[in-house]
Amino acid sequence: MKRGVDQEVTEIDLGDTEERDNSDTPPWKTQLETVLEEEEEEEEEEEEEDVISTQSDTRPLLNERDPRQMNECLKVSFEDVIAEPVSVRSGDRVWIWSHALFEVSRVWIYRIITVLLAVPVSVIAGILFGILSCLHIWLFTPCVKLVLINTGWLQTLWSSFLDIIVLPFFRSVAKCCGGIRVRLSQD
């Protein structure tokens, strides 16, 4: 049963006129079935609460494997790749079988390749990201901070140079060139 989908209970009159102690229970369900369903609903609610409370960044989610939608471009269906216009059509059986073979081959080739490559690529990517993180945290960031601390005076000097010399020069050039007008005429 899918979560989040409400099911409607349809009552069917089976013709039995016996008095039931639980009026909202359909006549074909026994009291035991009703109790078991209620227990299952409670367990599902508890599981949802447990999932929410135990989610972490280190434990991958099996159902949501692309939570940030990084691979939207890879959501390719048969109709995105192969499409027949109305004027040129193959037989219906050919279309159905080609669609089925496309989907099956796409899924199984992906699964076979991931079985062969997923673990080694994950290990290599983990090593590379670990090395880059270590270098960034322990080497690059301290070096950049050291340079910024020691060149704060240079930033002040450069800002003053721009405000005192360069900015007035370009403002005066802009005022001189602001009066120039160009007219095009055909003779």
N, C-alpha and C. Protein backbone atom coordinates (compact mmCIF):
# COMPACT_ATOMS: atom_id res chain seq x y z
N MET A 1 0.84 -1.17 0.00
CA MET A 1 0.00 0.00 0.00
C MET A 1 0.89 1.24 0.00
N LYS A 2 0.56 2.21 -0.84
CA LYS A 2 1.33 3.44 -0.92
C LYS A 2 0.97 4.32 0.25
N ARG A 3 1.99 5.00 0.76
CA ARG A 3 1.74 5.92 1.85
C ARG A 3 1.23 7.22 1.29
N GLY A 4 0.40 7.88 2.06
CA GLY A 4 -0.09 9.18 1.66
C GLY A 4 -1.30 9.11 0.75
N VAL A 5 -1.77 7.92 0.39
CA VAL A 5 -2.93 7.78 -0.47
C VAL A 5 -4.10 7.34 0.40
N ASP A 6 -5.14 8.15 0.44
CA ASP A 6 -6.30 7.81 1.24
C ASP A 6 -7.14 6.81 0.48
N GLN A 7 -7.59 5.80 1.19
CA GLN A 7 -8.44 4.80 0.57
C GLN A 7 -9.87 5.06 1.00
N GLU A 8 -10.78 4.93 0.05
CA GLU A 8 -12.18 5.08 0.37
C GLU A 8 -12.74 3.71 0.74
N VAL A 9 -13.58 3.70 1.74
CA VAL A 9 -14.25 2.47 2.13
C VAL A 9 -15.65 2.53 1.56
N THR A 10 -15.96 1.57 0.73
CA THR A 10 -17.28 1.50 0.11
C THR A 10 -18.09 0.43 0.82
N GLU A 11 -19.24 0.81 1.29
CA GLU A 11 -20.09 -0.14 1.99
C GLU A 11 -20.92 -0.91 0.99
N ILE A 12 -20.97 -2.20 1.18
CA ILE A 12 -21.77 -3.07 0.33
C ILE A 12 -22.78 -3.76 1.23
N ASP A 13 -24.04 -3.64 0.89
CA ASP A 13 -25.09 -4.26 1.68
C ASP A 13 -25.20 -5.72 1.27
N LEU A 14 -24.82 -6.60 2.17
CA LEU A 14 -24.86 -8.02 1.87
C LEU A 14 -26.18 -8.66 2.30
N GLY A 15 -27.04 -7.86 2.82
CA GLY A 15 -28.36 -8.38 3.16
C GLY A 15 -28.47 -8.96 4.55
N ASP A 16 -27.41 -9.04 5.31
CA ASP A 16 -27.51 -9.56 6.66
C ASP A 16 -27.97 -8.44 7.58
N THR A 17 -28.94 -8.72 8.41
CA THR A 17 -29.55 -7.69 9.25
C THR A 17 -29.12 -7.82 10.69
N GLU A 18 -28.06 -8.55 10.94
CA GLU A 18 -27.60 -8.72 12.31
C GLU A 18 -27.10 -7.39 12.85
N GLU A 19 -27.31 -7.18 14.13
CA GLU A 19 -26.81 -5.99 14.78
C GLU A 19 -25.31 -6.13 15.00
N ARG A 20 -24.57 -5.09 14.61
CA ARG A 20 -23.12 -5.09 14.83
C ARG A 20 -22.82 -4.04 15.88
N ASP A 21 -21.83 -4.37 16.73
CA ASP A 21 -21.49 -3.42 17.78
C ASP A 21 -20.64 -2.27 17.24
N ASN A 22 -19.96 -2.44 16.11
CA ASN A 22 -19.15 -1.37 15.54
C ASN A 22 -19.81 -0.93 14.25
N SER A 23 -20.51 0.22 14.27
CA SER A 23 -21.32 0.63 13.12
C SER A 23 -20.50 1.15 11.95
N ASP A 24 -19.26 1.63 12.16
CA ASP A 24 -18.47 2.16 11.05
C ASP A 24 -17.63 1.08 10.36
N THR A 25 -17.67 -0.14 10.83
CA THR A 25 -16.94 -1.24 10.21
C THR A 25 -17.80 -1.85 9.11
N PRO A 26 -17.28 -2.01 7.90
CA PRO A 26 -18.05 -2.63 6.83
C PRO A 26 -18.44 -4.05 7.21
N PRO A 27 -19.55 -4.55 6.70
CA PRO A 27 -20.07 -5.85 7.13
C PRO A 27 -19.18 -7.01 6.74
N TRP A 28 -18.35 -6.88 5.71
CA TRP A 28 -17.53 -8.01 5.29
C TRP A 28 -16.23 -8.12 6.08
N LYS A 29 -15.94 -7.14 6.90
CA LYS A 29 -14.73 -7.19 7.70
C LYS A 29 -15.06 -7.70 9.09
N THR A 30 -14.23 -8.57 9.57
CA THR A 30 -14.41 -9.05 10.93
C THR A 30 -13.80 -8.04 11.89
N GLN A 31 -14.09 -8.21 13.13
CA GLN A 31 -13.56 -7.30 14.13
C GLN A 31 -12.04 -7.45 14.22
N LEU A 32 -11.52 -8.66 14.04
CA LEU A 32 -10.09 -8.90 14.08
C LEU A 32 -9.38 -8.16 12.94
N GLU A 33 -9.96 -8.20 11.74
CA GLU A 33 -9.36 -7.49 10.61
C GLU A 33 -9.30 -5.99 10.87
N THR A 34 -10.35 -5.45 11.45
CA THR A 34 -10.39 -4.02 11.75
C THR A 34 -9.31 -3.66 12.77
N VAL A 35 -9.16 -4.45 13.80
CA VAL A 35 -8.14 -4.19 14.82
C VAL A 35 -6.75 -4.29 14.21
N LEU A 36 -6.53 -5.30 13.35
CA LEU A 36 -5.23 -5.46 12.71
C LEU A 36 -4.91 -4.27 11.80
N GLU A 37 -5.90 -3.75 11.08
CA GLU A 37 -5.67 -2.59 10.22
C GLU A 37 -5.31 -1.37 11.05
N GLU A 38 -6.00 -1.17 12.18
CA GLU A 38 -5.69 -0.04 13.04
C GLU A 38 -4.27 -0.15 13.59
N GLU A 39 -3.85 -1.36 13.97
CA GLU A 39 -2.49 -1.55 14.46
C GLU A 39 -1.47 -1.26 13.37
N GLU A 40 -1.77 -1.69 12.13
CA GLU A 40 -0.85 -1.41 11.02
C GLU A 40 -0.73 0.08 10.77
N GLU A 41 -1.84 0.82 10.85
CA GLU A 41 -1.79 2.26 10.66
C GLU A 41 -0.95 2.92 11.74
N GLU A 42 -1.10 2.48 12.98
CA GLU A 42 -0.31 3.03 14.07
C GLU A 42 1.17 2.74 13.87
N GLU A 43 1.49 1.51 13.41
CA GLU A 43 2.89 1.15 13.16
C GLU A 43 3.47 2.00 12.04
N GLU A 44 2.68 2.27 10.99
CA GLU A 44 3.16 3.10 9.90
C GLU A 44 3.44 4.51 10.38
N GLU A 45 2.57 5.06 11.22
CA GLU A 45 2.80 6.40 11.76
C GLU A 45 4.07 6.42 12.61
N GLU A 46 4.28 5.37 13.43
CA GLU A 46 5.49 5.30 14.24
C GLU A 46 6.73 5.19 13.37
N GLU A 47 6.64 4.39 12.28
CA GLU A 47 7.78 4.24 11.37
C GLU A 47 8.11 5.58 10.72
N GLU A 48 7.08 6.34 10.30
CA GLU A 48 7.32 7.64 9.70
C GLU A 48 8.02 8.57 10.68
N GLU A 49 7.57 8.56 11.95
CA GLU A 49 8.21 9.39 12.96
C GLU A 49 9.65 8.94 13.19
N ASP A 50 9.89 7.61 13.21
CA ASP A 50 11.24 7.10 13.39
C ASP A 50 12.13 7.50 12.24
N VAL A 51 11.60 7.43 11.01
CA VAL A 51 12.40 7.79 9.84
C VAL A 51 12.78 9.26 9.91
N ILE A 52 11.83 10.11 10.28
CA ILE A 52 12.11 11.54 10.35
C ILE A 52 13.15 11.82 11.43
N SER A 53 13.05 11.14 12.57
CA SER A 53 13.97 11.44 13.66
C SER A 53 15.35 10.81 13.47
N THR A 54 15.46 9.78 12.65
CA THR A 54 16.76 9.12 12.50
C THR A 54 17.46 9.46 11.19
N GLN A 55 16.88 10.34 10.38
CA GLN A 55 17.54 10.69 9.13
C GLN A 55 18.78 11.50 9.43
N SER A 56 19.84 11.19 8.70
CA SER A 56 21.07 11.95 8.84
C SER A 56 21.72 12.05 7.48
N ASP A 57 22.74 12.88 7.39
CA ASP A 57 23.44 13.05 6.12
C ASP A 57 24.31 11.85 5.80
N THR A 58 24.67 11.08 6.81
CA THR A 58 25.60 9.96 6.59
C THR A 58 24.89 8.69 6.17
N ARG A 59 23.60 8.58 6.47
CA ARG A 59 22.86 7.38 6.09
C ARG A 59 22.06 7.67 4.83
N PRO A 60 22.39 7.01 3.72
CA PRO A 60 21.69 7.33 2.48
C PRO A 60 20.24 6.89 2.52
N LEU A 61 19.39 7.68 1.90
CA LEU A 61 17.98 7.34 1.81
C LEU A 61 17.79 6.45 0.59
N LEU A 62 17.15 5.31 0.77
CA LEU A 62 16.99 4.37 -0.34
C LEU A 62 15.90 4.80 -1.30
N ASN A 63 14.87 5.46 -0.81
CA ASN A 63 13.78 5.85 -1.70
C ASN A 63 14.08 7.15 -2.43
N GLU A 64 14.73 8.10 -1.79
CA GLU A 64 15.02 9.39 -2.39
C GLU A 64 16.52 9.44 -2.68
N ARG A 65 16.90 9.06 -3.88
CA ARG A 65 18.32 8.96 -4.22
C ARG A 65 18.84 10.20 -4.91
N ASP A 66 17.97 11.10 -5.32
CA ASP A 66 18.40 12.35 -5.94
C ASP A 66 17.60 13.50 -5.31
N PRO A 67 17.82 13.75 -4.01
CA PRO A 67 16.97 14.73 -3.32
C PRO A 67 17.17 16.16 -3.81
N ARG A 68 18.32 16.47 -4.38
CA ARG A 68 18.59 17.83 -4.86
C ARG A 68 18.34 17.99 -6.35
N GLN A 69 17.77 16.95 -6.98
CA GLN A 69 17.43 16.96 -8.39
C GLN A 69 18.63 17.34 -9.27
N MET A 70 19.77 16.72 -9.01
CA MET A 70 20.97 17.00 -9.77
C MET A 70 20.93 16.37 -11.16
N ASN A 71 20.20 15.29 -11.32
CA ASN A 71 20.21 14.56 -12.58
C ASN A 71 18.87 14.64 -13.30
N GLU A 72 18.28 15.83 -13.34
CA GLU A 72 17.01 16.01 -14.05
C GLU A 72 17.17 15.71 -15.53
N CYS A 73 18.35 15.98 -16.08
CA CYS A 73 18.55 15.78 -17.52
C CYS A 73 18.56 14.30 -17.90
N LEU A 74 18.72 13.40 -16.93
CA LEU A 74 18.77 11.98 -17.23
C LEU A 74 17.42 11.28 -17.14
N LYS A 75 16.38 12.04 -16.87
CA LYS A 75 15.05 11.45 -16.84
C LYS A 75 14.54 11.35 -18.27
N VAL A 76 14.97 10.30 -18.94
CA VAL A 76 14.66 10.10 -20.35
C VAL A 76 13.70 8.94 -20.49
N SER A 77 12.64 9.16 -21.21
CA SER A 77 11.71 8.07 -21.49
C SER A 77 11.78 7.74 -22.98
N PHE A 78 11.11 6.69 -23.36
CA PHE A 78 11.11 6.22 -24.74
C PHE A 78 10.60 7.30 -25.68
N GLU A 79 9.57 8.02 -25.27
CA GLU A 79 8.99 9.06 -26.12
C GLU A 79 9.92 10.25 -26.30
N ASP A 80 10.87 10.45 -25.38
CA ASP A 80 11.84 11.53 -25.52
C ASP A 80 12.90 11.20 -26.56
N VAL A 81 13.10 9.92 -26.83
CA VAL A 81 14.16 9.49 -27.74
C VAL A 81 13.61 9.12 -29.11
N ILE A 82 12.54 8.35 -29.13
CA ILE A 82 11.99 7.84 -30.38
C ILE A 82 10.54 8.32 -30.48
N ALA A 83 10.24 8.97 -31.59
CA ALA A 83 8.86 9.44 -31.80
C ALA A 83 8.54 9.31 -33.28
N GLU A 84 7.37 8.78 -33.55
CA GLU A 84 6.93 8.61 -34.93
C GLU A 84 5.85 9.64 -35.25
N PRO A 85 6.01 10.39 -36.32
CA PRO A 85 4.95 11.32 -36.70
C PRO A 85 3.75 10.56 -37.24
N VAL A 86 2.65 11.24 -37.38
CA VAL A 86 1.42 10.61 -37.84
C VAL A 86 1.58 10.09 -39.27
N SER A 87 2.37 10.79 -40.08
CA SER A 87 2.49 10.41 -41.49
C SER A 87 3.30 9.13 -41.70
N VAL A 88 4.21 8.81 -40.78
CA VAL A 88 5.04 7.61 -40.91
C VAL A 88 4.92 6.82 -39.62
N ARG A 89 4.33 5.63 -39.71
CA ARG A 89 4.14 4.85 -38.49
C ARG A 89 4.47 3.40 -38.75
N SER A 90 5.05 2.76 -37.74
CA SER A 90 5.30 1.32 -37.82
C SER A 90 4.09 0.60 -37.24
N GLY A 91 4.13 -0.70 -37.27
CA GLY A 91 3.02 -1.47 -36.71
C GLY A 91 2.93 -1.31 -35.21
N ASP A 92 1.75 -1.54 -34.69
CA ASP A 92 1.54 -1.39 -33.25
C ASP A 92 2.40 -2.36 -32.45
N ARG A 93 2.53 -3.58 -32.90
CA ARG A 93 3.35 -4.58 -32.19
C ARG A 93 4.81 -4.16 -32.18
N VAL A 94 5.29 -3.62 -33.30
CA VAL A 94 6.68 -3.15 -33.37
C VAL A 94 6.90 -2.03 -32.38
N TRP A 95 5.95 -1.11 -32.30
CA TRP A 95 6.07 0.02 -31.38
C TRP A 95 6.07 -0.48 -29.93
N ILE A 96 5.19 -1.39 -29.59
CA ILE A 96 5.11 -1.91 -28.22
C ILE A 96 6.38 -2.66 -27.85
N TRP A 97 6.85 -3.54 -28.76
CA TRP A 97 8.06 -4.31 -28.46
C TRP A 97 9.30 -3.43 -28.41
N SER A 98 9.39 -2.44 -29.28
CA SER A 98 10.55 -1.55 -29.22
C SER A 98 10.55 -0.74 -27.94
N HIS A 99 9.37 -0.30 -27.51
CA HIS A 99 9.26 0.43 -26.25
C HIS A 99 9.70 -0.45 -25.08
N ALA A 100 9.21 -1.68 -25.06
CA ALA A 100 9.56 -2.61 -23.97
C ALA A 100 11.05 -2.92 -23.97
N LEU A 101 11.62 -3.19 -25.14
CA LEU A 101 13.04 -3.51 -25.21
C LEU A 101 13.91 -2.31 -24.85
N PHE A 102 13.48 -1.12 -25.24
CA PHE A 102 14.21 0.09 -24.86
C PHE A 102 14.29 0.21 -23.34
N GLU A 103 13.13 0.11 -22.68
CA GLU A 103 13.09 0.27 -21.23
C GLU A 103 13.88 -0.82 -20.52
N VAL A 104 13.70 -2.07 -20.94
CA VAL A 104 14.39 -3.18 -20.29
C VAL A 104 15.91 -3.06 -20.49
N SER A 105 16.33 -2.79 -21.71
CA SER A 105 17.77 -2.69 -21.95
C SER A 105 18.38 -1.50 -21.22
N ARG A 106 17.67 -0.36 -21.18
CA ARG A 106 18.18 0.82 -20.48
C ARG A 106 18.37 0.51 -19.00
N VAL A 107 17.37 -0.10 -18.38
CA VAL A 107 17.44 -0.38 -16.94
C VAL A 107 18.51 -1.43 -16.64
N TRP A 108 18.55 -2.52 -17.40
CA TRP A 108 19.48 -3.60 -17.07
C TRP A 108 20.93 -3.26 -17.41
N ILE A 109 21.16 -2.52 -18.48
CA ILE A 109 22.53 -2.09 -18.77
C ILE A 109 23.02 -1.16 -17.67
N TYR A 110 22.15 -0.24 -17.22
CA TYR A 110 22.52 0.63 -16.11
C TYR A 110 22.85 -0.18 -14.86
N ARG A 111 22.02 -1.16 -14.55
CA ARG A 111 22.25 -1.97 -13.35
C ARG A 111 23.56 -2.76 -13.46
N ILE A 112 23.83 -3.32 -14.62
CA ILE A 112 25.07 -4.11 -14.80
C ILE A 112 26.29 -3.21 -14.66
N ILE A 113 26.25 -2.05 -15.30
CA ILE A 113 27.40 -1.14 -15.24
C ILE A 113 27.59 -0.62 -13.81
N THR A 114 26.49 -0.32 -13.10
CA THR A 114 26.65 0.15 -11.73
C THR A 114 27.18 -0.93 -10.81
N VAL A 115 26.83 -2.19 -11.07
CA VAL A 115 27.40 -3.28 -10.26
C VAL A 115 28.91 -3.31 -10.45
N LEU A 116 29.36 -3.08 -11.67
CA LEU A 116 30.80 -3.14 -11.95
C LEU A 116 31.54 -1.88 -11.51
N LEU A 117 30.91 -0.70 -11.64
CA LEU A 117 31.63 0.54 -11.42
C LEU A 117 31.27 1.33 -10.17
N ALA A 118 30.10 1.10 -9.58
CA ALA A 118 29.63 1.95 -8.50
C ALA A 118 30.57 1.97 -7.30
N VAL A 119 30.99 0.81 -6.85
CA VAL A 119 31.85 0.77 -5.66
C VAL A 119 33.23 1.37 -5.93
N PRO A 120 33.93 0.99 -7.03
CA PRO A 120 35.23 1.61 -7.26
C PRO A 120 35.15 3.12 -7.49
N VAL A 121 34.15 3.59 -8.23
CA VAL A 121 34.03 5.02 -8.47
C VAL A 121 33.70 5.74 -7.16
N SER A 122 32.87 5.14 -6.32
CA SER A 122 32.55 5.75 -5.03
C SER A 122 33.78 5.85 -4.14
N VAL A 123 34.60 4.81 -4.14
CA VAL A 123 35.83 4.84 -3.34
C VAL A 123 36.77 5.92 -3.86
N ILE A 124 36.97 5.98 -5.18
CA ILE A 124 37.86 6.99 -5.76
C ILE A 124 37.32 8.39 -5.50
N ALA A 125 36.01 8.60 -5.68
CA ALA A 125 35.42 9.91 -5.42
C ALA A 125 35.55 10.28 -3.95
N GLY A 126 35.34 9.31 -3.07
CA GLY A 126 35.49 9.58 -1.64
C GLY A 126 36.91 9.99 -1.28
N ILE A 127 37.90 9.29 -1.86
CA ILE A 127 39.30 9.63 -1.61
C ILE A 127 39.61 11.03 -2.13
N LEU A 128 39.17 11.33 -3.37
CA LEU A 128 39.44 12.65 -3.95
C LEU A 128 38.79 13.76 -3.15
N PHE A 129 37.50 13.59 -2.79
CA PHE A 129 36.83 14.62 -2.01
C PHE A 129 37.44 14.75 -0.61
N GLY A 130 37.90 13.65 -0.05
CA GLY A 130 38.57 13.72 1.25
C GLY A 130 39.87 14.51 1.16
N ILE A 131 40.66 14.24 0.12
CA ILE A 131 41.93 14.96 -0.07
C ILE A 131 41.66 16.44 -0.32
N LEU A 132 40.69 16.74 -1.21
CA LEU A 132 40.38 18.15 -1.50
C LEU A 132 39.85 18.87 -0.27
N SER A 133 39.01 18.20 0.51
CA SER A 133 38.50 18.82 1.73
C SER A 133 39.62 19.11 2.71
N CYS A 134 40.50 18.15 2.87
CA CYS A 134 41.62 18.34 3.79
C CYS A 134 42.51 19.49 3.33
N LEU A 135 42.83 19.52 2.03
CA LEU A 135 43.66 20.61 1.51
C LEU A 135 42.97 21.96 1.67
N HIS A 136 41.68 22.00 1.40
CA HIS A 136 40.96 23.26 1.50
C HIS A 136 40.89 23.74 2.95
N ILE A 137 40.58 22.83 3.86
CA ILE A 137 40.42 23.21 5.26
C ILE A 137 41.75 23.56 5.91
N TRP A 138 42.79 22.75 5.67
CA TRP A 138 44.02 22.90 6.42
C TRP A 138 45.13 23.65 5.67
N LEU A 139 44.94 23.89 4.35
CA LEU A 139 46.00 24.57 3.61
C LEU A 139 45.52 25.84 2.94
N PHE A 140 44.53 25.73 2.05
CA PHE A 140 44.11 26.89 1.26
C PHE A 140 43.47 27.98 2.10
N THR A 141 42.50 27.63 2.94
CA THR A 141 41.81 28.64 3.74
C THR A 141 42.77 29.36 4.68
N PRO A 142 43.64 28.67 5.42
CA PRO A 142 44.59 29.41 6.27
C PRO A 142 45.53 30.31 5.46
N CYS A 143 45.96 29.83 4.28
CA CYS A 143 46.85 30.67 3.46
C CYS A 143 46.14 31.92 2.97
N VAL A 144 44.90 31.78 2.53
CA VAL A 144 44.14 32.95 2.07
C VAL A 144 43.91 33.91 3.22
N LYS A 145 43.53 33.41 4.38
CA LYS A 145 43.33 34.28 5.55
C LYS A 145 44.63 34.99 5.93
N LEU A 146 45.75 34.30 5.86
CA LEU A 146 47.05 34.89 6.16
C LEU A 146 47.37 36.02 5.20
N VAL A 147 47.12 35.80 3.92
CA VAL A 147 47.37 36.83 2.92
C VAL A 147 46.44 38.02 3.14
N LEU A 148 45.16 37.76 3.41
CA LEU A 148 44.21 38.86 3.62
C LEU A 148 44.56 39.68 4.86
N ILE A 149 45.00 39.02 5.92
CA ILE A 149 45.38 39.75 7.13
C ILE A 149 46.61 40.60 6.87
N ASN A 150 47.59 40.06 6.18
CA ASN A 150 48.84 40.78 5.97
C ASN A 150 48.76 41.81 4.84
N THR A 151 47.73 41.76 4.02
CA THR A 151 47.62 42.73 2.94
C THR A 151 46.44 43.66 3.12
N GLY A 152 45.94 43.79 4.32
CA GLY A 152 44.84 44.72 4.60
C GLY A 152 45.25 46.15 4.30
N TRP A 153 46.47 46.51 4.60
CA TRP A 153 46.97 47.85 4.30
C TRP A 153 47.01 48.11 2.80
N LEU A 154 47.34 47.05 2.03
CA LEU A 154 47.39 47.19 0.59
C LEU A 154 45.99 47.46 0.01
N GLN A 155 44.98 46.84 0.60
CA GLN A 155 43.61 47.07 0.16
C GLN A 155 43.20 48.51 0.42
N THR A 156 43.58 49.03 1.58
CA THR A 156 43.27 50.42 1.91
C THR A 156 44.00 51.36 0.96
N LEU A 157 45.26 51.09 0.66
CA LEU A 157 46.06 51.92 -0.25
C LEU A 157 45.46 51.89 -1.66
N TRP A 158 45.07 50.73 -2.14
CA TRP A 158 44.51 50.60 -3.48
C TRP A 158 43.17 51.34 -3.57
N SER A 159 42.34 51.21 -2.55
CA SER A 159 41.05 51.90 -2.52
C SER A 159 41.25 53.41 -2.55
N SER A 160 42.20 53.89 -1.78
CA SER A 160 42.50 55.33 -1.77
C SER A 160 43.01 55.80 -3.13
N PHE A 161 43.89 55.04 -3.77
CA PHE A 161 44.42 55.37 -5.10
C PHE A 161 43.28 55.48 -6.11
N LEU A 162 42.35 54.54 -6.07
CA LEU A 162 41.22 54.58 -7.00
C LEU A 162 40.32 55.79 -6.74
N ASP A 163 40.05 56.10 -5.46
CA ASP A 163 39.16 57.21 -5.13
C ASP A 163 39.80 58.57 -5.41
N ILE A 164 41.12 58.68 -5.22
CA ILE A 164 41.79 59.99 -5.35
C ILE A 164 42.23 60.28 -6.78
N ILE A 165 42.76 59.30 -7.49
CA ILE A 165 43.36 59.55 -8.81
C ILE A 165 42.50 59.03 -9.96
N VAL A 166 42.13 57.78 -9.93
CA VAL A 166 41.48 57.15 -11.08
C VAL A 166 40.05 57.65 -11.25
N LEU A 167 39.26 57.68 -10.20
CA LEU A 167 37.86 58.07 -10.29
C LEU A 167 37.69 59.50 -10.82
N PRO A 168 38.40 60.49 -10.29
CA PRO A 168 38.25 61.86 -10.84
C PRO A 168 38.67 61.95 -12.31
N PHE A 169 39.70 61.24 -12.71
CA PHE A 169 40.15 61.26 -14.10
C PHE A 169 39.05 60.75 -15.03
N PHE A 170 38.46 59.62 -14.70
CA PHE A 170 37.43 59.06 -15.57
C PHE A 170 36.14 59.88 -15.53
N ARG A 171 35.84 60.53 -14.42
CA ARG A 171 34.68 61.42 -14.37
C ARG A 171 34.88 62.62 -15.29
N SER A 172 36.08 63.19 -15.30
CA SER A 172 36.34 64.34 -16.18
C SER A 172 36.32 63.92 -17.65
N VAL A 173 36.85 62.75 -17.96
CA VAL A 173 36.80 62.25 -19.33
C VAL A 173 35.34 62.02 -19.74
N ALA A 174 34.54 61.51 -18.84
CA ALA A 174 33.13 61.26 -19.15
C ALA A 174 32.39 62.57 -19.40
N LYS A 175 32.70 63.63 -18.64
CA LYS A 175 32.05 64.92 -18.86
C LYS A 175 32.48 65.54 -20.18
N CYS A 176 33.76 65.35 -20.53
CA CYS A 176 34.23 65.89 -21.81
C CYS A 176 33.58 65.18 -22.99
N CYS A 177 33.44 63.90 -22.89
CA CYS A 177 32.88 63.10 -23.99
C CYS A 177 31.36 63.12 -23.97
N GLY A 178 30.75 63.60 -22.90
CA GLY A 178 29.30 63.60 -22.80
C GLY A 178 28.65 64.59 -23.74
N GLY A 179 29.36 65.61 -24.18
CA GLY A 179 28.80 66.63 -25.09
C GLY A 179 28.92 66.23 -26.55
N ILE A 180 29.57 65.18 -26.85
CA ILE A 180 29.74 64.75 -28.25
C ILE A 180 28.46 64.09 -28.74
N ARG A 181 27.98 64.55 -29.89
CA ARG A 181 26.78 63.98 -30.49
C ARG A 181 27.13 63.55 -31.91
N VAL A 182 26.62 62.42 -32.32
CA VAL A 182 26.90 61.88 -33.64
C VAL A 182 25.58 61.83 -34.41
N ARG A 183 25.58 62.40 -35.62
CA ARG A 183 24.42 62.31 -36.50
C ARG A 183 24.83 61.62 -37.78
N LEU A 184 23.99 60.71 -38.18
CA LEU A 184 24.23 60.00 -39.42
C LEU A 184 23.28 60.54 -40.47
N SER A 185 23.82 60.85 -41.61
CA SER A 185 22.97 61.33 -42.70
C SER A 185 23.40 60.66 -43.99
N GLN A 186 22.46 60.46 -44.84
CA GLN A 186 22.75 59.84 -46.12
C GLN A 186 22.76 60.94 -47.19
N ASP A 187 23.88 61.03 -47.94
CA ASP A 187 23.98 62.04 -48.99
C ASP A 187 23.91 61.43 -50.35
